[in-house]
PDB file of N, CA and C in Angstrom:
ATOM      1  N   MET A   1       0.835  -1.173   0.000  1.00  0.00           N
ATOM      2  CA  MET A   1       0.000   0.000   0.000  1.00  0.00           C
ATOM      3  C   MET A   1       0.881   1.238   0.000  1.00  0.00           C
ATOM      4  N   ALA A   2       0.626   2.160  -0.888  1.00  0.00           N
ATOM      5  CA  ALA A   2       1.389   3.417  -0.944  1.00  0.00           C
ATOM      6  C   ALA A   2       0.517   4.539  -0.425  1.00  0.00           C
ATOM      7  N   VAL A   3       1.094   5.368   0.408  1.00  0.00           N
ATOM      8  CA  VAL A   3       0.379   6.490   0.983  1.00  0.00           C
ATOM      9  C   VAL A   3       1.153   7.751   0.645  1.00  0.00           C
ATOM     10  N   VAL A   4       0.454   8.775   0.179  1.00  0.00           N
ATOM     11  CA  VAL A   4       1.117  10.037  -0.106  1.00  0.00           C
ATOM     12  C   VAL A   4       1.041  10.879   1.141  1.00  0.00           C
ATOM     13  N   GLY A   5       2.206  11.212   1.675  1.00  0.00           N
ATOM     14  CA  GLY A   5       2.291  11.991   2.900  1.00  0.00           C
ATOM     15  C   GLY A   5       2.346  13.474   2.594  1.00  0.00           C
ATOM     16  N   PRO A   6       2.707  14.260   3.588  1.00  0.00           N
ATOM     17  CA  PRO A   6       2.796  15.698   3.381  1.00  0.00           C
ATOM     18  C   PRO A   6       3.890  16.044   2.379  1.00  0.00           C
ATOM     19  N   VAL A   7       3.701  17.074   1.641  1.00  0.00           N
ATOM     20  CA  VAL A   7       4.635  17.588   0.638  1.00  0.00           C
ATOM     21  C   VAL A   7       4.943  16.537  -0.411  1.00  0.00           C
ATOM     22  N   GLY A   8       4.012  15.628  -0.683  1.00  0.00           N
ATOM     23  CA  GLY A   8       4.160  14.675  -1.765  1.00  0.00           C
ATOM     24  C   GLY A   8       5.118  13.529  -1.499  1.00  0.00           C
ATOM     25  N   ALA A   9       5.549  13.337  -0.252  1.00  0.00           N
ATOM     26  CA  ALA A   9       6.440  12.215   0.064  1.00  0.00           C
ATOM     27  C   ALA A   9       5.635  10.922   0.010  1.00  0.00           C
ATOM     28  N   VAL A  10       6.157   9.943  -0.688  1.00  0.00           N
ATOM     29  CA  VAL A  10       5.454   8.674  -0.818  1.00  0.00           C
ATOM     30  C   VAL A  10       6.028   7.701   0.202  1.00  0.00           C
ATOM     31  N   ILE A  11       5.146   7.115   0.980  1.00  0.00           N
ATOM     32  CA  ILE A  11       5.550   6.148   1.991  1.00  0.00           C
ATOM     33  C   ILE A  11       5.016   4.793   1.545  1.00  0.00           C
ATOM     34  N   LEU A  12       5.915   3.837   1.365  1.00  0.00           N
ATOM     35  CA  LEU A  12       5.530   2.516   0.890  1.00  0.00           C
ATOM     36  C   LEU A  12       5.483   1.531   2.044  1.00  0.00           C
ATOM     37  N   SER A  13       4.560   0.608   1.952  1.00  0.00           N
ATOM     38  CA  SER A  13       4.513  -0.459   2.947  1.00  0.00           C
ATOM     39  C   SER A  13       5.670  -1.411   2.688  1.00  0.00           C
ATOM     40  N   PRO A  14       6.105  -2.177   3.690  1.00  0.00           N
ATOM     41  CA  PRO A  14       7.272  -3.045   3.523  1.00  0.00           C
ATOM     42  C   PRO A  14       7.164  -4.030   2.363  1.00  0.00           C
ATOM     43  N   GLU A  15       5.968  -4.525   2.067  1.00  0.00           N
ATOM     44  CA  GLU A  15       5.857  -5.494   0.982  1.00  0.00           C
ATOM     45  C   GLU A  15       6.080  -4.867  -0.385  1.00  0.00           C
ATOM     46  N   LEU A  16       5.935  -3.550  -0.510  1.00  0.00           N
ATOM     47  CA  LEU A  16       6.183  -2.880  -1.782  1.00  0.00           C
ATOM     48  C   LEU A  16       7.608  -2.352  -1.897  1.00  0.00           C
ATOM     49  N   GLN A  17       8.332  -2.281  -0.776  1.00  0.00           N
ATOM     50  CA  GLN A  17       9.676  -1.729  -0.818  1.00  0.00           C
ATOM     51  C   GLN A  17      10.660  -2.674  -1.476  1.00  0.00           C
ATOM     52  N   SER A  18      10.393  -3.960  -1.477  1.00  0.00           N
ATOM     53  CA  SER A  18      11.298  -4.915  -2.106  1.00  0.00           C
ATOM     54  C   SER A  18      10.452  -5.830  -2.977  1.00  0.00           C
ATOM     55  N   HIS A  19      10.780  -5.930  -4.246  1.00  0.00           N
ATOM     56  CA  HIS A  19      10.042  -6.836  -5.111  1.00  0.00           C
ATOM     57  C   HIS A  19      10.988  -7.468  -6.108  1.00  0.00           C
ATOM     58  N   ARG A  20      10.590  -8.583  -6.662  1.00  0.00           N
ATOM     59  CA  ARG A  20      11.442  -9.333  -7.571  1.00  0.00           C
ATOM     60  C   ARG A  20      11.091  -8.942  -9.004  1.00  0.00           C
ATOM     61  N   THR A  21      12.124  -8.577  -9.770  1.00  0.00           N
ATOM     62  CA  THR A  21      11.949  -8.197 -11.164  1.00  0.00           C
ATOM     63  C   THR A  21      12.964  -8.954 -12.000  1.00  0.00           C
ATOM     64  N   GLU A  22      12.502  -9.793 -12.890  1.00  0.00           N
ATOM     65  CA  GLU A  22      13.356 -10.541 -13.818  1.00  0.00           C
ATOM     66  C   GLU A  22      14.508 -11.236 -13.104  1.00  0.00           C
ATOM     67  N   GLY A  23      14.223 -11.858 -11.989  1.00  0.00           N
ATOM     68  CA  GLY A  23      15.250 -12.618 -11.285  1.00  0.00           C
ATOM     69  C   GLY A  23      16.143 -11.785 -10.389  1.00  0.00           C
ATOM     70  N   ARG A  24      15.966 -10.459 -10.389  1.00  0.00           N
ATOM     71  CA  ARG A  24      16.779  -9.596  -9.529  1.00  0.00           C
ATOM     72  C   ARG A  24      15.894  -9.006  -8.444  1.00  0.00           C
ATOM     73  N   VAL A  25      16.438  -8.853  -7.266  1.00  0.00           N
ATOM     74  CA  VAL A  25      15.691  -8.214  -6.184  1.00  0.00           C
ATOM     75  C   VAL A  25      16.072  -6.745  -6.162  1.00  0.00           C
ATOM     76  N   ILE A  26      15.076  -5.894  -6.232  1.00  0.00           N
ATOM     77  CA  ILE A  26      15.312  -4.459  -6.216  1.00  0.00           C
ATOM     78  C   ILE A  26      14.815  -3.923  -4.881  1.00  0.00           C
ATOM     79  N   GLN A  27      15.705  -3.322  -4.135  1.00  0.00           N
ATOM     80  CA  GLN A  27      15.342  -2.755  -2.846  1.00  0.00           C
ATOM     81  C   GLN A  27      14.861  -1.324  -3.048  1.00  0.00           C
ATOM     82  N   GLY A  28      13.770  -0.967  -2.438  1.00  0.00           N
ATOM     83  CA  GLY A  28      13.296   0.404  -2.490  1.00  0.00           C
ATOM     84  C   GLY A  28      14.017   1.215  -1.428  1.00  0.00           C
ATOM     85  N   THR A  29      14.617   2.309  -1.823  1.00  0.00           N
ATOM     86  CA  THR A  29      15.285   3.156  -0.856  1.00  0.00           C
ATOM     87  C   THR A  29      14.338   4.284  -0.508  1.00  0.00           C
ATOM     88  N   LEU A  30      14.024   4.381   0.743  1.00  0.00           N
ATOM     89  CA  LEU A  30      13.067   5.385   1.187  1.00  0.00           C
ATOM     90  C   LEU A  30      13.730   6.213   2.265  1.00  0.00           C
ATOM     91  N   SER A  31      13.975   7.461   1.985  1.00  0.00           N
ATOM     92  CA  SER A  31      14.521   8.372   2.968  1.00  0.00           C
ATOM     93  C   SER A  31      13.391   9.256   3.432  1.00  0.00           C
ATOM     94  N   GLU A  32      13.217   9.299   4.720  1.00  0.00           N
ATOM     95  CA  GLU A  32      12.084  10.027   5.275  1.00  0.00           C
ATOM     96  C   GLU A  32      12.582  10.902   6.406  1.00  0.00           C
ATOM     97  N   VAL A  33      12.098  12.114   6.461  1.00  0.00           N
ATOM     98  CA  VAL A  33      12.413  13.032   7.538  1.00  0.00           C
ATOM     99  C   VAL A  33      11.090  13.530   8.101  1.00  0.00           C
ATOM    100  N   ILE A  34      10.941  13.401   9.398  1.00  0.00           N
ATOM    101  CA  ILE A  34       9.730  13.883  10.053  1.00  0.00           C
ATOM    102  C   ILE A  34      10.045  15.250  10.642  1.00  0.00           C
ATOM    103  N   VAL A  35       9.283  16.254  10.232  1.00  0.00           N
ATOM    104  CA  VAL A  35       9.501  17.618  10.691  1.00  0.00           C
ATOM    105  C   VAL A  35       8.880  17.757  12.075  1.00  0.00           C
ATOM    106  N   GLY A  36       9.724  18.113  13.047  1.00  0.00           N
ATOM    107  CA  GLY A  36       9.257  18.254  14.425  1.00  0.00           C
ATOM    108  C   GLY A  36       8.552  19.578  14.654  1.00  0.00           C
ATOM    109  N   ASP A  37       7.875  19.658  15.780  1.00  0.00           N
ATOM    110  CA  ASP A  37       7.198  20.908  16.145  1.00  0.00           C
ATOM    111  C   ASP A  37       8.241  21.981  16.398  1.00  0.00           C
ATOM    112  N   GLY A  38       8.065  23.123  15.798  1.00  0.00           N
ATOM    113  CA  GLY A  38       8.976  24.235  15.984  1.00  0.00           C
ATOM    114  C   GLY A  38      10.240  24.129  15.145  1.00  0.00           C
ATOM    115  N   GLU A  39      10.388  23.067  14.351  1.00  0.00           N
ATOM    116  CA  GLU A  39      11.561  22.924  13.498  1.00  0.00           C
ATOM    117  C   GLU A  39      11.302  23.645  12.182  1.00  0.00           C
ATOM    118  N   SER A  40      12.288  24.387  11.726  1.00  0.00           N
ATOM    119  CA  SER A  40      12.104  25.129  10.481  1.00  0.00           C
ATOM    120  C   SER A  40      12.207  24.186   9.287  1.00  0.00           C
ATOM    121  N   PHE A  41      11.635  24.623   8.185  1.00  0.00           N
ATOM    122  CA  PHE A  41      11.693  23.841   6.956  1.00  0.00           C
ATOM    123  C   PHE A  41      13.133  23.684   6.493  1.00  0.00           C
ATOM    124  N   GLU A  42      13.928  24.740   6.640  1.00  0.00           N
ATOM    125  CA  GLU A  42      15.330  24.703   6.208  1.00  0.00           C
ATOM    126  C   GLU A  42      16.117  23.647   6.979  1.00  0.00           C
ATOM    127  N   ALA A  43      15.865  23.535   8.289  1.00  0.00           N
ATOM    128  CA  ALA A  43      16.564  22.540   9.104  1.00  0.00           C
ATOM    129  C   ALA A  43      16.164  21.126   8.681  1.00  0.00           C
ATOM    130  N   ALA A  44      14.874  20.930   8.414  1.00  0.00           N
ATOM    131  CA  ALA A  44      14.405  19.613   7.968  1.00  0.00           C
ATOM    132  C   ALA A  44      14.980  19.273   6.603  1.00  0.00           C
ATOM    133  N   LEU A  45      15.075  20.278   5.736  1.00  0.00           N
ATOM    134  CA  LEU A  45      15.648  20.060   4.410  1.00  0.00           C
ATOM    135  C   LEU A  45      17.127  19.702   4.504  1.00  0.00           C
ATOM    136  N   ARG A  46      17.865  20.350   5.413  1.00  0.00           N
ATOM    137  CA  ARG A  46      19.276  20.012   5.620  1.00  0.00           C
ATOM    138  C   ARG A  46      19.423  18.562   6.103  1.00  0.00           C
ATOM    139  N   ARG A  47      18.561  18.145   7.042  1.00  0.00           N
ATOM    140  CA  ARG A  47      18.605  16.764   7.530  1.00  0.00           C
ATOM    141  C   ARG A  47      18.299  15.788   6.400  1.00  0.00           C
ATOM    142  N   PHE A  48      17.307  16.127   5.564  1.00  0.00           N
ATOM    143  CA  PHE A  48      16.942  15.267   4.443  1.00  0.00           C
ATOM    144  C   PHE A  48      18.095  15.141   3.458  1.00  0.00           C
ATOM    145  N   ASN A  49      18.727  16.274   3.115  1.00  0.00           N
ATOM    146  CA  ASN A  49      19.860  16.246   2.185  1.00  0.00           C
ATOM    147  C   ASN A  49      21.001  15.409   2.741  1.00  0.00           C
ATOM    148  N   LYS A  50      21.252  15.505   4.037  1.00  0.00           N
ATOM    149  CA  LYS A  50      22.319  14.728   4.656  1.00  0.00           C
ATOM    150  C   LYS A  50      22.008  13.242   4.581  1.00  0.00           C
ATOM    151  N   LYS A  51      20.747  12.879   4.818  1.00  0.00           N
ATOM    152  CA  LYS A  51      20.327  11.476   4.746  1.00  0.00           C
ATOM    153  C   LYS A  51      20.488  10.926   3.327  1.00  0.00           C
ATOM    154  N   ILE A  52      20.069  11.706   2.342  1.00  0.00           N
ATOM    155  CA  ILE A  52      20.182  11.308   0.939  1.00  0.00           C
ATOM    156  C   ILE A  52      21.648  11.117   0.564  1.00  0.00           C
ATOM    157  N   GLN A  53      22.505  12.055   1.023  1.00  0.00           N
ATOM    158  CA  GLN A  53      23.931  11.978   0.726  1.00  0.00           C
ATOM    159  C   GLN A  53      24.546  10.722   1.344  1.00  0.00           C
ATOM    160  N   GLN A  54      24.202  10.418   2.596  1.00  0.00           N
ATOM    161  CA  GLN A  54      24.759   9.252   3.275  1.00  0.00           C
ATOM    162  C   GLN A  54      24.289   7.955   2.645  1.00  0.00           C
ATOM    163  N   ALA A  55      23.064   7.938   2.148  1.00  0.00           N
ATOM    164  CA  ALA A  55      22.527   6.731   1.523  1.00  0.00           C
ATOM    165  C   ALA A  55      23.093   6.518   0.112  1.00  0.00           C
ATOM    166  N   GLY A  56      23.659   7.568  -0.468  1.00  0.00           N
ATOM    167  CA  GLY A  56      24.241   7.453  -1.801  1.00  0.00           C
ATOM    168  C   GLY A  56      23.213   7.483  -2.916  1.00  0.00           C
ATOM    169  N   ILE A  57      22.053   8.004  -2.631  1.00  0.00           N
ATOM    170  CA  ILE A  57      20.968   8.013  -3.617  1.00  0.00           C
ATOM    171  C   ILE A  57      21.284   8.965  -4.768  1.00  0.00           C
ATOM    172  N   LEU A  58      21.821  10.150  -4.459  1.00  0.00           N
ATOM    173  CA  LEU A  58      22.138  11.109  -5.525  1.00  0.00           C
ATOM    174  C   LEU A  58      23.260  10.605  -6.417  1.00  0.00           C
ATOM    175  N   ALA A  59      24.269  10.004  -5.817  1.00  0.00           N
ATOM    176  CA  ALA A  59      25.381   9.469  -6.615  1.00  0.00           C
ATOM    177  C   ALA A  59      24.876   8.376  -7.548  1.00  0.00           C
ATOM    178  N   GLU A  60      23.986   7.524  -7.042  1.00  0.00           N
ATOM    179  CA  GLU A  60      23.417   6.450  -7.860  1.00  0.00           C
ATOM    180  C   GLU A  60      22.573   7.019  -8.993  1.00  0.00           C
ATOM    181  N   ALA A  61      21.810   8.063  -8.702  1.00  0.00           N
ATOM    182  CA  ALA A  61      20.971   8.677  -9.738  1.00  0.00           C
ATOM    183  C   ALA A  61      21.829   9.306 -10.828  1.00  0.00           C
ATOM    184  N   ARG A  62      22.918   9.960 -10.417  1.00  0.00           N
ATOM    185  CA  ARG A  62      23.811  10.558 -11.420  1.00  0.00           C
ATOM    186  C   ARG A  62      24.466   9.482 -12.274  1.00  0.00           C
ATOM    187  N   ARG A  63      24.846   8.370 -11.626  1.00  0.00           N
ATOM    188  CA  ARG A  63      25.498   7.293 -12.364  1.00  0.00           C
ATOM    189  C   ARG A  63      24.544   6.654 -13.364  1.00  0.00           C
ATOM    190  N   ARG A  64      23.269   6.585 -13.032  1.00  0.00           N
ATOM    191  CA  ARG A  64      22.279   5.949 -13.900  1.00  0.00           C
ATOM    192  C   ARG A  64      21.559   6.939 -14.810  1.00  0.00           C
ATOM    193  N   GLU A  65      21.988   8.195 -14.813  1.00  0.00           N
ATOM    194  CA  GLU A  65      21.297   9.211 -15.611  1.00  0.00           C
ATOM    195  C   GLU A  65      21.312   8.856 -17.096  1.00  0.00           C
ATOM    196  N   PHE A  66      22.436   8.318 -17.575  1.00  0.00           N
ATOM    197  CA  PHE A  66      22.560   7.933 -18.966  1.00  0.00           C
ATOM    198  C   PHE A  66      22.970   6.469 -19.043  1.00  0.00           C
ATOM    199  N   TYR A  67      22.589   5.815 -20.115  1.00  0.00           N
ATOM    200  CA  TYR A  67      22.953   4.407 -20.307  1.00  0.00           C
ATOM    201  C   TYR A  67      24.457   4.295 -20.495  1.00  0.00           C
ATOM    202  N   GLU A  68      25.050   3.320 -19.821  1.00  0.00           N
ATOM    203  CA  GLU A  68      26.473   3.069 -19.961  1.00  0.00           C
ATOM    204  C   GLU A  68      26.644   1.689 -20.585  1.00  0.00           C
ATOM    205  N   ARG A  69      27.296   1.649 -21.737  1.00  0.00           N
ATOM    206  CA  ARG A  69      27.504   0.375 -22.412  1.00  0.00           C
ATOM    207  C   ARG A  69      28.329  -0.551 -21.522  1.00  0.00           C
ATOM    208  N   PRO A  70      28.101  -1.866 -21.627  1.00  0.00           N
ATOM    209  CA  PRO A  70      28.861  -2.804 -20.797  1.00  0.00           C
ATOM    210  C   PRO A  70      30.374  -2.679 -20.984  1.00  0.00           C
ATOM    211  N   ALA A  71      30.839  -2.416 -22.208  1.00  0.00           N
ATOM    212  CA  ALA A  71      32.274  -2.254 -22.447  1.00  0.00           C
ATOM    213  C   ALA A  71      32.798  -1.017 -21.710  1.00  0.00           C
ATOM    214  N   ALA A  72      32.038   0.067 -21.733  1.00  0.00           N
ATOM    215  CA  ALA A  72      32.453   1.287 -21.033  1.00  0.00           C
ATOM    216  C   ALA A  72      32.441   1.063 -19.526  1.00  0.00           C
ATOM    217  N   ARG A  73      31.469   0.288 -19.040  1.00  0.00           N
ATOM    218  CA  ARG A  73      31.398  -0.029 -17.611  1.00  0.00           C
ATOM    219  C   ARG A  73      32.625  -0.826 -17.180  1.00  0.00           C
ATOM    220  N   ARG A  74      32.993  -1.828 -17.987  1.00  0.00           N
ATOM    221  CA  ARG A  74      34.179  -2.627 -17.670  1.00  0.00           C
ATOM    222  C   ARG A  74      35.433  -1.758 -17.684  1.00  0.00           C
ATOM    223  N   LYS A  75      35.523  -0.865 -18.672  1.00  0.00           N
ATOM    224  CA  LYS A  75      36.681   0.014 -18.793  1.00  0.00           C
ATOM    225  C   LYS A  75      36.782   0.941 -17.578  1.00  0.00           C
ATOM    226  N   ARG A  76      35.647   1.487 -17.129  1.00  0.00           N
ATOM    227  CA  ARG A  76      35.630   2.375 -15.971  1.00  0.00           C
ATOM    228  C   ARG A  76      36.036   1.626 -14.708  1.00  0.00           C
ATOM    229  N   LYS A  77      35.511   0.407 -14.549  1.00  0.00           N
ATOM    230  CA  LYS A  77      35.842  -0.383 -13.369  1.00  0.00           C
ATOM    231  C   LYS A  77      37.314  -0.780 -13.361  1.00  0.00           C
ATOM    232  N   GLU A  78      37.851  -1.107 -14.535  1.00  0.00           N
ATOM    233  CA  GLU A  78      39.267  -1.470 -14.638  1.00  0.00           C
ATOM    234  C   GLU A  78      40.155  -0.275 -14.286  1.00  0.00           C
ATOM    235  N   ALA A  79      39.789   0.924 -14.772  1.00  0.00           N
ATOM    236  CA  ALA A  79      40.562   2.124 -14.457  1.00  0.00           C
ATOM    237  C   ALA A  79      40.494   2.419 -12.955  1.00  0.00           C
ATOM    238  N   LYS A  80      39.329   2.221 -12.351  1.00  0.00           N
ATOM    239  CA  LYS A  80      39.180   2.431 -10.917  1.00  0.00           C
ATOM    240  C   LYS A  80      40.025   1.437 -10.136  1.00  0.00           C
ATOM    241  N   ARG A  81      40.061   0.188 -10.608  1.00  0.00           N
ATOM    242  CA  ARG A  81      40.851  -0.852  -9.947  1.00  0.00           C
ATOM    243  C   ARG A  81      42.343  -0.525 -10.037  1.00  0.00           C
ATOM    244  N   ARG A  82      42.802  -0.027 -11.201  1.00  0.00           N
ATOM    245  CA  ARG A  82      44.211   0.318 -11.375  1.00  0.00           C
ATOM    246  C   ARG A  82      44.598   1.535 -10.530  1.00  0.00           C
ATOM    247  N   LYS A  83      43.620   2.444 -10.338  1.00  0.00           N
ATOM    248  CA  LYS A  83      43.882   3.663  -9.579  1.00  0.00           C
ATOM    249  C   LYS A  83      44.160   3.363  -8.104  1.00  0.00           C
ATOM    250  N   ARG A  84      43.546   2.315  -7.569  1.00  0.00           N
ATOM    251  CA  ARG A  84      43.729   1.962  -6.158  1.00  0.00           C
ATOM    252  C   ARG A  84      45.059   1.429  -5.879  1.00  0.00           C
TER     253      ARG A  84
END
């Protein structure tokens, strides 16, 4: 069951957060910040941004923004491995 919370935040029930697609399990990443009484919107937004950053959601979105050919993916991973 999906519920739309305040400011359009979607809250998914546990059975919808993880589902099987073509043999792969896809985990739903849900970052949620509850705004306390007397807390400013800016403070809640800072907490939300910090949570998103720690979860790596933005980095993942940037990485998946464009299709990466498998050969390019292998080349990138090999360069990263050599860099270490």
